[in-house]
């Protein structure tokens, strides 16, 4: 199946991955395909592989910021260790703490 997918990609003359399942270590993964114009990579000054890594990180940071996922899950999505993800939060200007001062005070005072 993977050979057929690779051949299909070569026939189309594109660098794209077809939606399918793969393996990452011992965990199963799902591949997602996006069709983007080449100008996107030029505008961001990134090759496709770097773009995918940055997109995974940006999505993980945003979902973490919105309190939809934990730090551990965000690091996993980004393909980083937890400490690397915490460093990346600084780059994006996102606090590593999911509680603001008022919420901490309310928790401590029982209110």
N, C-alpha and C. Protein backbone atom coordinates (compact mmCIF):
# COMPACT_ATOMS: atom_id res chain seq x y z
N UNK A 1 0.82 -1.20 0.00
CA UNK A 1 0.00 0.00 0.00
C UNK A 1 0.87 1.26 0.00
N UNK A 2 1.92 1.29 0.88
CA UNK A 2 2.76 2.48 0.94
C UNK A 2 3.47 2.71 -0.39
N UNK A 3 3.87 1.63 -1.06
CA UNK A 3 4.53 1.78 -2.36
C UNK A 3 3.57 2.39 -3.37
N UNK A 4 2.32 1.99 -3.32
CA UNK A 4 1.31 2.53 -4.24
C UNK A 4 1.08 4.01 -3.96
N UNK A 5 1.06 4.38 -2.70
CA UNK A 5 0.88 5.78 -2.33
C UNK A 5 2.06 6.61 -2.82
N UNK A 6 3.28 6.08 -2.63
CA UNK A 6 4.48 6.78 -3.08
C UNK A 6 4.46 6.95 -4.60
N UNK A 7 4.07 5.89 -5.31
CA UNK A 7 4.01 5.96 -6.76
C UNK A 7 2.97 6.98 -7.21
N UNK A 8 1.84 7.00 -6.53
CA UNK A 8 0.79 7.97 -6.86
C UNK A 8 1.31 9.39 -6.67
N UNK A 9 2.03 9.62 -5.59
CA UNK A 9 2.59 10.93 -5.32
C UNK A 9 3.59 11.34 -6.40
N UNK A 10 4.42 10.39 -6.85
CA UNK A 10 5.39 10.69 -7.91
C UNK A 10 4.68 10.98 -9.22
N UNK A 11 3.61 10.24 -9.50
CA UNK A 11 2.86 10.46 -10.73
C UNK A 11 2.27 11.86 -10.75
N UNK A 12 1.79 12.31 -9.63
CA UNK A 12 1.18 13.64 -9.57
C UNK A 12 2.24 14.73 -9.63
N UNK A 13 3.50 14.34 -9.37
CA UNK A 13 4.58 15.32 -9.41
C UNK A 13 4.55 16.27 -8.23
N UNK A 14 3.99 15.83 -7.12
CA UNK A 14 3.89 16.68 -5.93
C UNK A 14 4.56 16.00 -4.76
N UNK A 15 4.90 16.80 -3.79
CA UNK A 15 5.43 16.29 -2.53
C UNK A 15 4.27 16.27 -1.54
N UNK A 16 3.42 15.31 -1.62
CA UNK A 16 2.28 15.27 -0.71
C UNK A 16 2.13 13.89 -0.12
N UNK A 17 1.53 13.85 1.03
CA UNK A 17 1.26 12.58 1.67
C UNK A 17 -0.24 12.35 1.63
N UNK A 18 -0.63 11.15 1.32
CA UNK A 18 -2.03 10.80 1.24
C UNK A 18 -2.50 10.40 2.63
N UNK A 19 -3.73 10.77 2.96
CA UNK A 19 -4.30 10.43 4.25
C UNK A 19 -4.19 8.94 4.46
N UNK A 20 -3.61 8.54 5.57
CA UNK A 20 -3.44 7.12 5.85
C UNK A 20 -2.87 6.94 7.23
N UNK A 21 -2.61 5.71 7.58
CA UNK A 21 -2.06 5.42 8.89
C UNK A 21 -0.61 5.06 8.78
N UNK A 22 0.17 5.47 9.74
CA UNK A 22 1.59 5.15 9.80
C UNK A 22 1.94 4.70 11.20
N UNK A 23 3.21 4.56 11.46
CA UNK A 23 3.66 4.18 12.79
C UNK A 23 4.71 5.17 13.25
N UNK A 24 4.64 5.57 14.47
CA UNK A 24 5.63 6.44 15.08
C UNK A 24 6.06 5.72 16.36
N UNK A 25 7.23 5.12 16.34
CA UNK A 25 7.63 4.28 17.46
C UNK A 25 6.68 3.12 17.52
N UNK A 26 6.06 2.91 18.66
CA UNK A 26 5.10 1.82 18.78
C UNK A 26 3.66 2.33 18.71
N UNK A 27 3.49 3.65 18.66
CA UNK A 27 2.14 4.22 18.61
C UNK A 27 1.71 4.42 17.16
N UNK A 28 0.47 4.17 16.89
CA UNK A 28 -0.06 4.42 15.54
C UNK A 28 -0.28 5.91 15.36
N UNK A 29 -0.09 6.36 14.14
CA UNK A 29 -0.29 7.77 13.81
C UNK A 29 -1.20 7.87 12.60
N UNK A 30 -1.76 9.02 12.39
CA UNK A 30 -2.58 9.31 11.22
C UNK A 30 -1.90 10.44 10.46
N UNK A 31 -1.74 10.28 9.17
CA UNK A 31 -1.15 11.31 8.34
C UNK A 31 -2.26 12.16 7.74
N UNK A 32 -2.04 13.46 7.70
CA UNK A 32 -3.00 14.40 7.15
C UNK A 32 -2.32 15.14 6.00
N UNK A 33 -3.03 15.32 4.91
CA UNK A 33 -2.48 15.98 3.74
C UNK A 33 -3.09 17.37 3.58
N UNK A 34 -2.22 18.35 3.28
CA UNK A 34 -2.66 19.71 3.00
C UNK A 34 -2.14 20.11 1.63
N UNK A 35 -2.96 20.73 0.85
CA UNK A 35 -2.53 21.28 -0.43
C UNK A 35 -2.29 22.77 -0.25
N UNK A 36 -1.03 23.16 -0.36
CA UNK A 36 -0.67 24.57 -0.19
C UNK A 36 0.12 25.03 -1.41
N UNK A 37 -0.07 26.27 -1.82
CA UNK A 37 0.71 26.77 -2.94
C UNK A 37 2.18 26.92 -2.53
N UNK A 38 3.11 26.69 -3.44
CA UNK A 38 4.54 26.82 -3.11
C UNK A 38 4.91 28.20 -2.57
N UNK A 39 4.15 29.21 -2.92
CA UNK A 39 4.46 30.56 -2.46
C UNK A 39 4.39 30.69 -0.94
N UNK A 40 3.62 29.81 -0.29
CA UNK A 40 3.53 29.83 1.18
C UNK A 40 4.90 29.59 1.79
N UNK A 41 5.63 28.61 1.26
CA UNK A 41 6.93 28.27 1.81
C UNK A 41 7.94 29.38 1.55
N UNK A 42 7.85 30.01 0.39
CA UNK A 42 8.74 31.12 0.08
C UNK A 42 8.45 32.31 0.99
N UNK A 43 7.18 32.60 1.22
CA UNK A 43 6.80 33.73 2.07
C UNK A 43 7.31 33.54 3.50
N UNK A 44 7.27 32.31 3.97
CA UNK A 44 7.71 32.02 5.34
C UNK A 44 9.20 31.67 5.41
N UNK A 45 9.83 31.59 4.25
CA UNK A 45 11.26 31.23 4.15
C UNK A 45 11.52 29.89 4.82
N UNK A 46 10.67 28.92 4.52
CA UNK A 46 10.80 27.58 5.08
C UNK A 46 10.59 26.54 4.00
N UNK A 47 11.29 25.43 4.16
CA UNK A 47 11.04 24.30 3.28
C UNK A 47 9.81 23.56 3.84
N UNK A 48 9.19 22.68 3.07
CA UNK A 48 7.98 21.99 3.54
C UNK A 48 8.14 21.26 4.87
N UNK A 49 9.28 20.59 5.09
CA UNK A 49 9.47 19.85 6.34
C UNK A 49 9.52 20.79 7.54
N UNK A 50 10.22 21.91 7.40
CA UNK A 50 10.29 22.90 8.49
C UNK A 50 8.92 23.51 8.74
N UNK A 51 8.19 23.77 7.66
CA UNK A 51 6.85 24.34 7.77
C UNK A 51 5.93 23.41 8.58
N UNK A 52 5.99 22.11 8.29
CA UNK A 52 5.14 21.15 9.01
C UNK A 52 5.49 21.15 10.49
N UNK A 53 6.76 21.16 10.82
CA UNK A 53 7.17 21.20 12.23
C UNK A 53 6.69 22.45 12.93
N UNK A 54 6.81 23.59 12.25
CA UNK A 54 6.37 24.86 12.83
C UNK A 54 4.85 24.91 12.97
N UNK A 55 4.15 24.33 12.00
CA UNK A 55 2.69 24.30 12.07
C UNK A 55 2.22 23.42 13.23
N UNK A 56 2.87 22.28 13.42
CA UNK A 56 2.52 21.41 14.56
C UNK A 56 2.74 22.14 15.87
N UNK A 57 3.87 22.85 15.97
CA UNK A 57 4.18 23.59 17.20
C UNK A 57 3.16 24.70 17.42
N UNK A 58 2.86 25.48 16.37
CA UNK A 58 1.91 26.59 16.51
C UNK A 58 0.54 26.09 16.94
N UNK A 59 0.10 24.99 16.35
CA UNK A 59 -1.20 24.42 16.72
C UNK A 59 -1.18 23.96 18.18
N UNK A 60 -0.12 23.28 18.58
CA UNK A 60 -0.02 22.78 19.95
C UNK A 60 -0.01 23.94 20.95
N UNK A 61 0.74 24.99 20.63
CA UNK A 61 0.79 26.17 21.52
C UNK A 61 -0.59 26.80 21.64
N UNK A 62 -1.27 26.97 20.53
CA UNK A 62 -2.60 27.61 20.56
C UNK A 62 -3.60 26.77 21.33
N UNK A 63 -3.61 25.47 21.09
CA UNK A 63 -4.54 24.59 21.82
C UNK A 63 -4.22 24.58 23.31
N UNK A 64 -2.93 24.63 23.65
CA UNK A 64 -2.55 24.71 25.07
C UNK A 64 -3.02 26.03 25.66
N UNK A 65 -2.78 27.13 24.93
CA UNK A 65 -3.18 28.46 25.40
C UNK A 65 -4.69 28.53 25.64
N UNK A 66 -5.45 27.83 24.80
CA UNK A 66 -6.91 27.83 24.94
C UNK A 66 -7.40 26.81 25.96
N UNK A 67 -6.46 26.16 26.63
CA UNK A 67 -6.74 25.17 27.69
C UNK A 67 -7.48 23.94 27.16
N UNK A 68 -7.25 23.61 25.91
CA UNK A 68 -7.89 22.43 25.33
C UNK A 68 -7.06 21.17 25.54
N UNK A 69 -5.75 21.34 25.74
CA UNK A 69 -4.85 20.20 25.94
C UNK A 69 -3.84 20.52 27.03
N UNK A 70 -3.24 19.48 27.59
CA UNK A 70 -2.23 19.64 28.63
C UNK A 70 -0.87 19.95 28.02
N UNK A 71 0.08 20.32 28.88
CA UNK A 71 1.45 20.54 28.41
C UNK A 71 2.02 19.27 27.79
N UNK A 72 1.79 18.14 28.43
CA UNK A 72 2.33 16.88 27.93
C UNK A 72 1.76 16.54 26.55
N UNK A 73 0.47 16.72 26.37
CA UNK A 73 -0.16 16.42 25.08
C UNK A 73 0.31 17.43 24.02
N UNK A 74 0.44 18.69 24.41
CA UNK A 74 0.93 19.70 23.47
C UNK A 74 2.35 19.39 23.01
N UNK A 75 3.20 18.98 23.94
CA UNK A 75 4.57 18.61 23.59
C UNK A 75 4.57 17.43 22.63
N UNK A 76 3.71 16.46 22.88
CA UNK A 76 3.60 15.29 22.00
C UNK A 76 3.17 15.71 20.59
N UNK A 77 2.17 16.56 20.49
CA UNK A 77 1.70 17.03 19.18
C UNK A 77 2.81 17.78 18.46
N UNK A 78 3.55 18.60 19.19
CA UNK A 78 4.63 19.38 18.59
C UNK A 78 5.86 18.54 18.25
N UNK A 79 5.91 17.33 18.81
CA UNK A 79 7.08 16.48 18.57
C UNK A 79 8.29 16.92 19.37
N UNK A 80 8.03 17.50 20.55
CA UNK A 80 9.08 18.01 21.41
C UNK A 80 9.03 17.35 22.78
N UNK A 81 10.12 17.46 23.54
CA UNK A 81 10.07 17.07 24.94
C UNK A 81 9.26 18.14 25.68
N UNK A 82 8.86 17.84 26.88
CA UNK A 82 8.07 18.82 27.63
C UNK A 82 8.89 20.08 27.91
N UNK A 83 10.17 19.91 28.25
CA UNK A 83 11.01 21.09 28.52
C UNK A 83 11.21 21.92 27.25
N UNK A 84 11.35 21.28 26.09
CA UNK A 84 11.47 22.01 24.83
C UNK A 84 10.18 22.76 24.52
N UNK A 85 9.04 22.13 24.83
CA UNK A 85 7.76 22.80 24.61
C UNK A 85 7.62 24.03 25.51
N UNK A 86 8.03 23.89 26.77
CA UNK A 86 7.96 25.04 27.68
C UNK A 86 8.82 26.19 27.17
N UNK A 87 9.98 25.89 26.62
CA UNK A 87 10.84 26.93 26.04
C UNK A 87 10.15 27.57 24.83
N UNK A 88 9.46 26.76 24.04
CA UNK A 88 8.76 27.28 22.86
C UNK A 88 7.62 28.21 23.26
N UNK A 89 6.98 27.95 24.39
CA UNK A 89 5.90 28.83 24.85
C UNK A 89 6.41 30.26 25.01
N UNK A 90 7.62 30.40 25.50
CA UNK A 90 8.22 31.72 25.67
C UNK A 90 8.35 32.42 24.33
N UNK A 91 8.80 31.67 23.33
CA UNK A 91 8.96 32.23 21.97
C UNK A 91 7.64 32.77 21.43
N UNK A 92 6.52 32.11 21.78
CA UNK A 92 5.20 32.52 21.31
C UNK A 92 4.52 33.51 22.27
N UNK A 93 5.17 33.81 23.39
CA UNK A 93 4.60 34.74 24.35
C UNK A 93 3.42 34.17 25.12
N UNK A 94 3.43 32.86 25.32
CA UNK A 94 2.34 32.18 26.03
C UNK A 94 2.86 31.71 27.38
N UNK A 95 2.08 31.97 28.42
CA UNK A 95 2.46 31.56 29.77
C UNK A 95 2.41 30.03 29.91
N UNK A 96 3.37 29.46 30.62
CA UNK A 96 3.33 28.02 30.85
C UNK A 96 2.28 27.64 31.90
N UNK A 97 1.71 28.64 32.56
CA UNK A 97 0.71 28.39 33.60
C UNK A 97 -0.68 28.54 33.01
N UNK A 98 -1.54 27.57 33.26
CA UNK A 98 -2.89 27.64 32.70
C UNK A 98 -3.87 28.33 33.64
N UNK A 99 -3.40 28.82 34.73
CA UNK A 99 -4.26 29.56 35.66
C UNK A 99 -3.74 30.98 35.77
N UNK A 100 -4.65 31.95 35.80
CA UNK A 100 -4.21 33.32 36.04
C UNK A 100 -4.26 33.59 37.54
N UNK A 101 -3.78 34.75 37.95
CA UNK A 101 -3.66 35.08 39.37
C UNK A 101 -5.01 34.99 40.10
N UNK A 102 -6.07 35.48 39.47
CA UNK A 102 -7.40 35.45 40.11
C UNK A 102 -7.87 34.03 40.36
N UNK A 103 -7.62 33.14 39.42
CA UNK A 103 -8.03 31.74 39.58
C UNK A 103 -7.24 31.05 40.69
N UNK A 104 -5.96 31.39 40.82
CA UNK A 104 -5.13 30.80 41.88
C UNK A 104 -5.63 31.28 43.24
N UNK A 105 -5.90 32.57 43.36
CA UNK A 105 -6.41 33.12 44.62
C UNK A 105 -7.74 32.47 44.97
N UNK A 106 -8.61 32.31 43.99
CA UNK A 106 -9.92 31.68 44.23
C UNK A 106 -9.75 30.23 44.70
N UNK A 107 -8.81 29.51 44.11
CA UNK A 107 -8.56 28.13 44.52
C UNK A 107 -8.04 28.07 45.95
N UNK A 108 -7.11 28.97 46.30
CA UNK A 108 -6.49 28.95 47.61
C UNK A 108 -7.50 29.36 48.69
N UNK A 109 -8.34 30.35 48.38
CA UNK A 109 -9.30 30.84 49.38
C UNK A 109 -10.59 30.04 49.41
N UNK A 110 -10.72 29.12 48.47
CA UNK A 110 -11.92 28.29 48.44
C UNK A 110 -13.11 28.98 47.79
N UNK A 111 -12.85 30.07 47.07
CA UNK A 111 -13.95 30.83 46.48
C UNK A 111 -14.13 30.63 45.07
